[in-house]
Amino acid sequence: KGVRLYELWIRLASHDIRQRFRRSVLGPFWLTLSMGILVGTLGLVFSTLFQQDVAKTLPYISTGIIFWGLLTGCINDGATVFVSAEAFIRNVPTPLSVHFYRMMARNVMIWVFNMAIYLVVVVYFELMPGWDALLFIPGFILFLINAAWISLAVGVLSTRYRDVPQVIANVIQVIFFLTPIFWSPESLPNRPAFVDFNPFYHLIEIVRAPLLNEPVSPASWGLCIAMAVAGLGFTAWLYRRAHARIPYWV
């Protein structure tokens, strides 16, 4: 039922972004500008500190930060997706999934604005995507599937246990430094376990590598597919059990 109401949650997601930047000159492009400043600063700092080629460092950091922002944006917003929609849930007879789709659509729209940074980097450094870049399409679909089930599972648990959003926020801060977002695994003498067994790294890699004309390892594909299958099954079971209770929990 929620999927069939796609016009509703797309319009609500667009309305959220417009309201956030109402009476602003740049509007949603403030998101792009702030992330562009972050990407440029990190690229300059790390290329200088580690004596790396900025033509390789900046595209790597920009794609990593953009997709990390999409992933963590979905998870953080997912933690409060039902709690923040308390008034709607209590007073408007719409499927609960509409609020989840609204949150996902809003974060994808923000990601579209941020991808302008990648386009600028590609044009400036003359990075011509090859045929391998087509792997970005299945990679991005798999990325969104995993982001969706994680966000929905976190949303259900956070509605029942209000300490979960705080735990999630702190865990994500730690994982950010353990995940090769602004640093490369090749810069380490040995590939540590927190890279090989880091699901966030593999999720980023299946979308970042094709955009940088690099191959995606079979291990990354395999792990992300396994996560999607297992995660969707677990989240479907969890949501089915909690669905009727969510209006009372909010």
C-alpha atoms as a PDB file:
ATOM      1  CA  LYS A   1       0.000   0.000   0.000  1.00  0.00           C
ATOM      2  CA  GLY A   2       2.831   2.373   0.814  1.00  0.00           C
ATOM      3  CA  VAL A   3       4.541   1.767  -2.543  1.00  0.00           C
ATOM      4  CA  ARG A   4       1.349   2.593  -4.427  1.00  0.00           C
ATOM      5  CA  LEU A   5       1.262   5.981  -2.690  1.00  0.00           C
ATOM      6  CA  TYR A   6       4.564   6.968  -4.287  1.00  0.00           C
ATOM      7  CA  GLU A   7       3.251  10.370  -5.362  1.00  0.00           C
ATOM      8  CA  LEU A   8       2.494  11.197  -1.733  1.00  0.00           C
ATOM      9  CA  TRP A   9       5.860  10.310  -0.228  1.00  0.00           C
ATOM     10  CA  ILE A  10       7.827  11.829  -3.098  1.00  0.00           C
ATOM     11  CA  ARG A  11       5.949  15.118  -2.685  1.00  0.00           C
ATOM     12  CA  LEU A  12       6.417  15.003   1.100  1.00  0.00           C
ATOM     13  CA  ALA A  13      10.148  14.351   0.686  1.00  0.00           C
ATOM     14  CA  SER A  14      10.456  17.275  -1.727  1.00  0.00           C
ATOM     15  CA  HIS A  15       8.467  19.440   0.683  1.00  0.00           C
ATOM     16  CA  ASP A  16      10.860  18.541   3.533  1.00  0.00           C
ATOM     17  CA  ILE A  17      13.838  19.804   1.540  1.00  0.00           C
ATOM     18  CA  ARG A  18      12.076  22.989   0.416  1.00  0.00           C
ATOM     19  CA  GLN A  19      11.001  23.764   3.976  1.00  0.00           C
ATOM     20  CA  ARG A  20      14.518  23.224   5.260  1.00  0.00           C
ATOM     21  CA  PHE A  21      15.901  25.875   2.918  1.00  0.00           C
ATOM     22  CA  ARG A  22      12.920  28.199   2.678  1.00  0.00           C
ATOM     23  CA  ARG A  23      13.890  31.810   1.896  1.00  0.00           C
ATOM     24  CA  SER A  24      17.455  30.699   1.195  1.00  0.00           C
ATOM     25  CA  VAL A  25      19.257  32.020  -1.888  1.00  0.00           C
ATOM     26  CA  LEU A  26      21.066  28.778  -2.769  1.00  0.00           C
ATOM     27  CA  GLY A  27      18.362  26.479  -1.439  1.00  0.00           C
ATOM     28  CA  PRO A  28      19.338  22.787  -1.362  1.00  0.00           C
ATOM     29  CA  PHE A  29      22.658  23.632  -2.993  1.00  0.00           C
ATOM     30  CA  TRP A  30      23.832  24.689   0.478  1.00  0.00           C
ATOM     31  CA  LEU A  31      24.121  20.946   1.077  1.00  0.00           C
ATOM     32  CA  THR A  32      26.323  20.614  -1.985  1.00  0.00           C
ATOM     33  CA  LEU A  33      28.421  23.625  -1.014  1.00  0.00           C
ATOM     34  CA  SER A  34      29.042  22.444   2.548  1.00  0.00           C
ATOM     35  CA  MET A  35      29.985  18.944   1.422  1.00  0.00           C
ATOM     36  CA  GLY A  36      32.140  20.369  -1.363  1.00  0.00           C
ATOM     37  CA  ILE A  37      34.086  22.425   1.177  1.00  0.00           C
ATOM     38  CA  LEU A  38      34.561  19.313   3.327  1.00  0.00           C
ATOM     39  CA  VAL A  39      35.734  17.248   0.356  1.00  0.00           C
ATOM     40  CA  GLY A  40      38.135  19.956  -0.834  1.00  0.00           C
ATOM     41  CA  THR A  41      39.609  20.419   2.642  1.00  0.00           C
ATOM     42  CA  LEU A  42      40.123  16.693   3.243  1.00  0.00           C
ATOM     43  CA  GLY A  43      41.593  16.242  -0.227  1.00  0.00           C
ATOM     44  CA  LEU A  44      44.063  19.070   0.285  1.00  0.00           C
ATOM     45  CA  VAL A  45      45.070  17.939   3.784  1.00  0.00           C
ATOM     46  CA  PHE A  46      45.568  14.248   3.007  1.00  0.00           C
ATOM     47  CA  SER A  47      47.273  14.788  -0.341  1.00  0.00           C
ATOM     48  CA  THR A  48      49.709  17.128   1.420  1.00  0.00           C
ATOM     49  CA  LEU A  49      50.307  15.025   4.534  1.00  0.00           C
ATOM     50  CA  PHE A  50      50.825  11.734   2.711  1.00  0.00           C
ATOM     51  CA  GLN A  51      52.420  13.232  -0.423  1.00  0.00           C
ATOM     52  CA  GLN A  52      49.724  11.750  -2.649  1.00  0.00           C
ATOM     53  CA  ASP A  53      48.570  12.816  -6.070  1.00  0.00           C
ATOM     54  CA  VAL A  54      45.589  15.111  -5.580  1.00  0.00           C
ATOM     55  CA  ALA A  55      44.164  13.899  -8.916  1.00  0.00           C
ATOM     56  CA  LYS A  56      43.689  10.473  -7.304  1.00  0.00           C
ATOM     57  CA  THR A  57      43.042  11.525  -3.724  1.00  0.00           C
ATOM     58  CA  LEU A  58      40.260  14.040  -4.359  1.00  0.00           C
ATOM     59  CA  PRO A  59      38.021  11.788  -6.523  1.00  0.00           C
ATOM     60  CA  TYR A  60      38.479   8.967  -4.000  1.00  0.00           C
ATOM     61  CA  ILE A  61      37.542  11.162  -1.043  1.00  0.00           C
ATOM     62  CA  SER A  62      34.662  12.895  -2.837  1.00  0.00           C
ATOM     63  CA  THR A  63      32.909   9.664  -3.824  1.00  0.00           C
ATOM     64  CA  GLY A  64      33.541   8.149  -0.401  1.00  0.00           C
ATOM     65  CA  ILE A  65      32.119  11.147   1.473  1.00  0.00           C
ATOM     66  CA  ILE A  66      29.090  11.441  -0.831  1.00  0.00           C
ATOM     67  CA  PHE A  67      28.020   7.816  -0.421  1.00  0.00           C
ATOM     68  CA  TRP A  68      28.891   7.763   3.248  1.00  0.00           C
ATOM     69  CA  GLY A  69      26.598  10.752   3.669  1.00  0.00           C
ATOM     70  CA  LEU A  70      23.768   8.905   1.904  1.00  0.00           C
ATOM     71  CA  LEU A  71      24.248   5.745   3.955  1.00  0.00           C
ATOM     72  CA  THR A  72      24.526   7.404   7.346  1.00  0.00           C
ATOM     73  CA  GLY A  73      21.804   9.909   6.481  1.00  0.00           C
ATOM     74  CA  CYS A  74      19.388   7.045   5.874  1.00  0.00           C
ATOM     75  CA  ILE A  75      20.418   5.271   9.078  1.00  0.00           C
ATOM     76  CA  ASN A  76      20.289   8.362  11.302  1.00  0.00           C
ATOM     77  CA  ASP A  77      16.976   9.533   9.856  1.00  0.00           C
ATOM     78  CA  GLY A  78      15.677   5.978  10.014  1.00  0.00           C
ATOM     79  CA  ALA A  79      16.291   5.933  13.754  1.00  0.00           C
ATOM     80  CA  THR A  80      13.634   8.636  14.197  1.00  0.00           C
ATOM     81  CA  VAL A  81      11.463   7.960  11.150  1.00  0.00           C
ATOM     82  CA  PHE A  82       8.407   6.838  13.112  1.00  0.00           C
ATOM     83  CA  VAL A  83       8.961   8.940  16.223  1.00  0.00           C
ATOM     84  CA  SER A  84       9.224  12.156  14.193  1.00  0.00           C
ATOM     85  CA  ALA A  85       6.033  11.230  12.313  1.00  0.00           C
ATOM     86  CA  GLU A  86       4.051  10.795  15.524  1.00  0.00           C
ATOM     87  CA  ALA A  87       1.402  13.384  14.592  1.00  0.00           C
ATOM     88  CA  PHE A  88       0.850  11.789  11.165  1.00  0.00           C
ATOM     89  CA  ILE A  89       0.670   8.273  12.556  1.00  0.00           C
ATOM     90  CA  ARG A  90      -1.851   9.232  15.227  1.00  0.00           C
ATOM     91  CA  ASN A  91      -4.115  11.389  13.069  1.00  0.00           C
ATOM     92  CA  VAL A  92      -3.723  10.513   9.375  1.00  0.00           C
ATOM     93  CA  PRO A  93      -4.828   7.069   8.124  1.00  0.00           C
ATOM     94  CA  THR A  94      -1.857   6.285   5.893  1.00  0.00           C
ATOM     95  CA  PRO A  95       0.325   3.141   5.798  1.00  0.00           C
ATOM     96  CA  LEU A  96       3.290   3.313   8.162  1.00  0.00           C
ATOM     97  CA  SER A  97       5.650   2.522   5.305  1.00  0.00           C
ATOM     98  CA  VAL A  98       4.851   5.905   3.711  1.00  0.00           C
ATOM     99  CA  HIS A  99       6.981   7.602   6.380  1.00  0.00           C
ATOM    100  CA  PHE A 100       9.863   5.237   5.682  1.00  0.00           C
ATOM    101  CA  TYR A 101       9.683   5.794   1.911  1.00  0.00           C
ATOM    102  CA  ARG A 102       9.505   9.530   2.522  1.00  0.00           C
ATOM    103  CA  MET A 103      12.734   9.398   4.506  1.00  0.00           C
ATOM    104  CA  MET A 104      14.522   7.296   1.876  1.00  0.00           C
ATOM    105  CA  ALA A 105      13.329   9.552  -0.980  1.00  0.00           C
ATOM    106  CA  ARG A 106      14.490  12.657   0.893  1.00  0.00           C
ATOM    107  CA  ASN A 107      18.000  11.269   1.367  1.00  0.00           C
ATOM    108  CA  VAL A 108      18.232  10.147  -2.259  1.00  0.00           C
ATOM    109  CA  MET A 109      17.232  13.650  -3.373  1.00  0.00           C
ATOM    110  CA  ILE A 110      19.976  15.123  -1.189  1.00  0.00           C
ATOM    111  CA  TRP A 111      22.416  12.608  -2.706  1.00  0.00           C
ATOM    112  CA  VAL A 112      21.478  13.811  -6.209  1.00  0.00           C
ATOM    113  CA  PHE A 113      22.460  17.367  -5.253  1.00  0.00           C
ATOM    114  CA  ASN A 114      25.735  16.150  -3.740  1.00  0.00           C
ATOM    115  CA  MET A 115      26.626  14.209  -6.888  1.00  0.00           C
ATOM    116  CA  ALA A 116      27.262  17.600  -8.503  1.00  0.00           C
ATOM    117  CA  ILE A 117      30.567  17.497  -6.579  1.00  0.00           C
ATOM    118  CA  TYR A 118      31.547  14.262  -8.325  1.00  0.00           C
ATOM    119  CA  LEU A 119      30.692  15.754 -11.724  1.00  0.00           C
ATOM    120  CA  VAL A 120      32.877  18.791 -11.016  1.00  0.00           C
ATOM    121  CA  VAL A 121      35.764  16.532  -9.960  1.00  0.00           C
ATOM    122  CA  VAL A 122      35.355  14.345 -13.063  1.00  0.00           C
ATOM    123  CA  VAL A 123      35.413  17.330 -15.401  1.00  0.00           C
ATOM    124  CA  TYR A 124      38.298  19.077 -13.617  1.00  0.00           C
ATOM    125  CA  PHE A 125      40.578  16.016 -13.523  1.00  0.00           C
ATOM    126  CA  GLU A 126      39.365  14.708 -16.907  1.00  0.00           C
ATOM    127  CA  LEU A 127      38.282  11.329 -15.542  1.00  0.00           C
ATOM    128  CA  MET A 128      36.536   9.612 -18.426  1.00  0.00           C
ATOM    129  CA  PRO A 129      34.334   6.773 -17.096  1.00  0.00           C
ATOM    130  CA  GLY A 130      34.734   3.504 -19.012  1.00  0.00           C
ATOM    131  CA  TRP A 131      32.387   0.593 -19.525  1.00  0.00           C
ATOM    132  CA  ASP A 132      33.141  -0.586 -15.987  1.00  0.00           C
ATOM    133  CA  ALA A 133      31.201   2.450 -14.768  1.00  0.00           C
ATOM    134  CA  LEU A 134      27.994   0.630 -15.762  1.00  0.00           C
ATOM    135  CA  LEU A 135      28.539  -1.620 -12.747  1.00  0.00           C
ATOM    136  CA  PHE A 136      27.554   1.415 -10.702  1.00  0.00           C
ATOM    137  CA  ILE A 137      23.889   0.744 -11.548  1.00  0.00           C
ATOM    138  CA  PRO A 138      23.590  -2.711  -9.912  1.00  0.00           C
ATOM    139  CA  GLY A 139      25.970  -1.537  -7.193  1.00  0.00           C
ATOM    140  CA  PHE A 140      23.783   1.445  -6.354  1.00  0.00           C
ATOM    141  CA  ILE A 141      20.631  -0.707  -6.275  1.00  0.00           C
ATOM    142  CA  LEU A 142      22.341  -3.130  -3.906  1.00  0.00           C
ATOM    143  CA  PHE A 143      23.611  -0.196  -1.853  1.00  0.00           C
ATOM    144  CA  LEU A 144      20.076   1.205  -1.480  1.00  0.00           C
ATOM    145  CA  ILE A 145      18.615  -2.185  -0.568  1.00  0.00           C
ATOM    146  CA  ASN A 146      21.106  -2.567   2.270  1.00  0.00           C
ATOM    147  CA  ALA A 147      20.652   1.031   3.399  1.00  0.00           C
ATOM    148  CA  ALA A 148      16.868   0.506   3.388  1.00  0.00           C
ATOM    149  CA  TRP A 149      16.749  -2.623   5.534  1.00  0.00           C
ATOM    150  CA  ILE A 150      19.264  -1.231   8.022  1.00  0.00           C
ATOM    151  CA  SER A 151      17.274   2.006   8.309  1.00  0.00           C
ATOM    152  CA  LEU A 152      13.924   0.248   8.737  1.00  0.00           C
ATOM    153  CA  ALA A 153      15.283  -2.173  11.341  1.00  0.00           C
ATOM    154  CA  VAL A 154      16.856   0.701  13.261  1.00  0.00           C
ATOM    155  CA  GLY A 155      13.595   2.660  12.981  1.00  0.00           C
ATOM    156  CA  VAL A 156      11.526  -0.140  14.501  1.00  0.00           C
ATOM    157  CA  LEU A 157      13.999  -0.754  17.336  1.00  0.00           C
ATOM    158  CA  SER A 158      14.359   2.976  18.026  1.00  0.00           C
ATOM    159  CA  THR A 159      10.612   3.405  18.291  1.00  0.00           C
ATOM    160  CA  ARG A 160      10.475   0.724  20.973  1.00  0.00           C
ATOM    161  CA  TYR A 161      13.758   1.592  22.727  1.00  0.00           C
ATOM    162  CA  ARG A 162      14.505   5.322  22.685  1.00  0.00           C
ATOM    163  CA  ASP A 163      18.186   4.855  23.595  1.00  0.00           C
ATOM    164  CA  VAL A 164      18.918   3.204  20.253  1.00  0.00           C
ATOM    165  CA  PRO A 165      19.307   6.487  18.247  1.00  0.00           C
ATOM    166  CA  GLN A 166      22.020   7.661  20.641  1.00  0.00           C
ATOM    167  CA  VAL A 167      23.815   4.339  20.373  1.00  0.00           C
ATOM    168  CA  ILE A 168      23.578   4.402  16.575  1.00  0.00           C
ATOM    169  CA  ALA A 169      24.951   7.969  16.366  1.00  0.00           C
ATOM    170  CA  ASN A 170      27.987   7.069  18.485  1.00  0.00           C
ATOM    171  CA  VAL A 171      28.662   3.806  16.656  1.00  0.00           C
ATOM    172  CA  ILE A 172      28.556   5.568  13.275  1.00  0.00           C
ATOM    173  CA  GLN A 173      31.127   8.108  14.481  1.00  0.00           C
ATOM    174  CA  VAL A 174      33.521   5.293  15.356  1.00  0.00           C
ATOM    175  CA  ILE A 175      32.881   3.363  12.136  1.00  0.00           C
ATOM    176  CA  PHE A 176      33.592   6.499  10.086  1.00  0.00           C
ATOM    177  CA  PHE A 177      37.255   6.436  11.155  1.00  0.00           C
ATOM    178  CA  LEU A 178      37.528   2.658  10.733  1.00  0.00           C
ATOM    179  CA  THR A 179      36.144   2.740   7.192  1.00  0.00           C
ATOM    180  CA  PRO A 180      38.304   3.729   4.189  1.00  0.00           C
ATOM    181  CA  ILE A 181      36.374   6.866   3.329  1.00  0.00           C
ATOM    182  CA  PHE A 182      39.109   9.499   3.235  1.00  0.00           C
ATOM    183  CA  TRP A 183      42.038   7.063   3.512  1.00  0.00           C
ATOM    184  CA  SER A 184      42.881   4.124   1.289  1.00  0.00           C
ATOM    185  CA  PRO A 185      43.582   0.538   2.448  1.00  0.00           C
ATOM    186  CA  GLU A 186      46.649   0.585   0.182  1.00  0.00           C
ATOM    187  CA  SER A 187      48.189   3.199   2.500  1.00  0.00           C
ATOM    188  CA  LEU A 188      48.428   0.578   5.265  1.00  0.00           C
ATOM    189  CA  PRO A 189      51.282  -1.960   5.302  1.00  0.00           C
ATOM    190  CA  ASN A 190      48.911  -4.844   5.989  1.00  0.00           C
ATOM    191  CA  ARG A 191      45.217  -5.003   5.263  1.00  0.00           C
ATOM    192  CA  PRO A 192      43.653  -5.068   8.760  1.00  0.00           C
ATOM    193  CA  ALA A 193      40.586  -7.052   9.775  1.00  0.00           C
ATOM    194  CA  PHE A 194      38.523  -3.896  10.349  1.00  0.00           C
ATOM    195  CA  VAL A 195      38.753  -3.308   6.595  1.00  0.00           C
ATOM    196  CA  ASP A 196      38.231  -6.838   5.276  1.00  0.00           C
ATOM    197  CA  PHE A 197      35.282  -7.525   7.572  1.00  0.00           C
ATOM    198  CA  ASN A 198      33.830  -4.030   7.534  1.00  0.00           C
ATOM    199  CA  PRO A 199      30.431  -4.189   5.755  1.00  0.00           C
ATOM    200  CA  PHE A 200      30.344  -0.393   5.401  1.00  0.00           C
ATOM    201  CA  TYR A 201      33.593  -0.467   3.433  1.00  0.00           C
ATOM    202  CA  HIS A 202      32.211  -3.046   0.994  1.00  0.00           C
ATOM    203  CA  LEU A 203      28.971  -1.086   0.586  1.00  0.00           C
ATOM    204  CA  ILE A 204      30.941   2.031  -0.297  1.00  0.00           C
ATOM    205  CA  GLU A 205      33.281   0.086  -2.565  1.00  0.00           C
ATOM    206  CA  ILE A 206      30.576  -1.362  -4.858  1.00  0.00           C
ATOM    207  CA  VAL A 207      29.485   2.163  -5.805  1.00  0.00           C
ATOM    208  CA  ARG A 208      32.773   4.056  -5.536  1.00  0.00           C
ATOM    209  CA  ALA A 209      35.040   1.754  -7.527  1.00  0.00           C
ATOM    210  CA  PRO A 210      32.986   1.806 -10.782  1.00  0.00           C
ATOM    211  CA  LEU A 211      32.855   5.618 -10.703  1.00  0.00           C
ATOM    212  CA  LEU A 212      36.662   5.689 -10.384  1.00  0.00           C
ATOM    213  CA  ASN A 213      37.212   3.166 -13.212  1.00  0.00           C
ATOM    214  CA  GLU A 214      38.427   0.534 -10.750  1.00  0.00           C
ATOM    215  CA  PRO A 215      37.341  -3.118 -10.451  1.00  0.00           C
ATOM    216  CA  VAL A 216      35.107  -4.231  -7.601  1.00  0.00           C
ATOM    217  CA  SER A 217      36.372  -7.302  -5.760  1.00  0.00           C
ATOM    218  CA  PRO A 218      34.143 -10.402  -5.815  1.00  0.00           C
ATOM    219  CA  ALA A 219      34.326 -10.407  -2.012  1.00  0.00           C
ATOM    220  CA  SER A 220      32.580  -7.023  -1.894  1.00  0.00           C
ATOM    221  CA  TRP A 221      29.816  -8.187  -4.229  1.00  0.00           C
ATOM    222  CA  GLY A 222      29.352 -11.429  -2.321  1.00  0.00           C
ATOM    223  CA  LEU A 223      29.223  -9.802   1.094  1.00  0.00           C
ATOM    224  CA  CYS A 224      26.774  -7.092   0.002  1.00  0.00           C
ATOM    225  CA  ILE A 225      24.451  -9.611  -1.663  1.00  0.00           C
ATOM    226  CA  ALA A 226      24.537 -11.833   1.423  1.00  0.00           C
ATOM    227  CA  MET A 227      23.819  -8.831   3.638  1.00  0.00           C
ATOM    228  CA  ALA A 228      20.866  -7.839   1.457  1.00  0.00           C
ATOM    229  CA  VAL A 229      19.299 -11.306   1.523  1.00  0.00           C
ATOM    230  CA  ALA A 230      19.803 -11.887   5.254  1.00  0.00           C
ATOM    231  CA  GLY A 231      18.939  -8.302   6.185  1.00  0.00           C
ATOM    232  CA  LEU A 232      15.718  -8.192   4.180  1.00  0.00           C
ATOM    233  CA  GLY A 233      14.567 -11.448   5.749  1.00  0.00           C
ATOM    234  CA  PHE A 234      15.315 -10.259   9.280  1.00  0.00           C
ATOM    235  CA  THR A 235      13.746  -6.825   8.750  1.00  0.00           C
ATOM    236  CA  ALA A 236      10.602  -8.276   7.159  1.00  0.00           C
ATOM    237  CA  TRP A 237      10.173 -10.519  10.204  1.00  0.00           C
ATOM    238  CA  LEU A 238      10.860  -7.643  12.623  1.00  0.00           C
ATOM    239  CA  TYR A 239       8.530  -5.193  10.862  1.00  0.00           C
ATOM    240  CA  ARG A 240       5.746  -7.764  10.652  1.00  0.00           C
ATOM    241  CA  ARG A 241       5.949  -8.384  14.402  1.00  0.00           C
ATOM    242  CA  ALA A 242       6.143  -4.694  15.340  1.00  0.00           C
ATOM    243  CA  HIS A 243       3.831  -3.160  12.732  1.00  0.00           C
ATOM    244  CA  ALA A 244       0.683  -3.183  14.862  1.00  0.00           C
ATOM    245  CA  ARG A 245       2.523  -1.879  17.935  1.00  0.00           C
ATOM    246  CA  ILE A 246       4.303   1.102  16.381  1.00  0.00           C
ATOM    247  CA  PRO A 247       1.304   3.509  16.717  1.00  0.00           C
ATOM    248  CA  TYR A 248       1.218   2.726  20.442  1.00  0.00           C
ATOM    249  CA  TRP A 249       4.992   3.055  20.871  1.00  0.00           C
ATOM    250  CA  VAL A 250       5.159   6.545  19.357  1.00  0.00           C
END
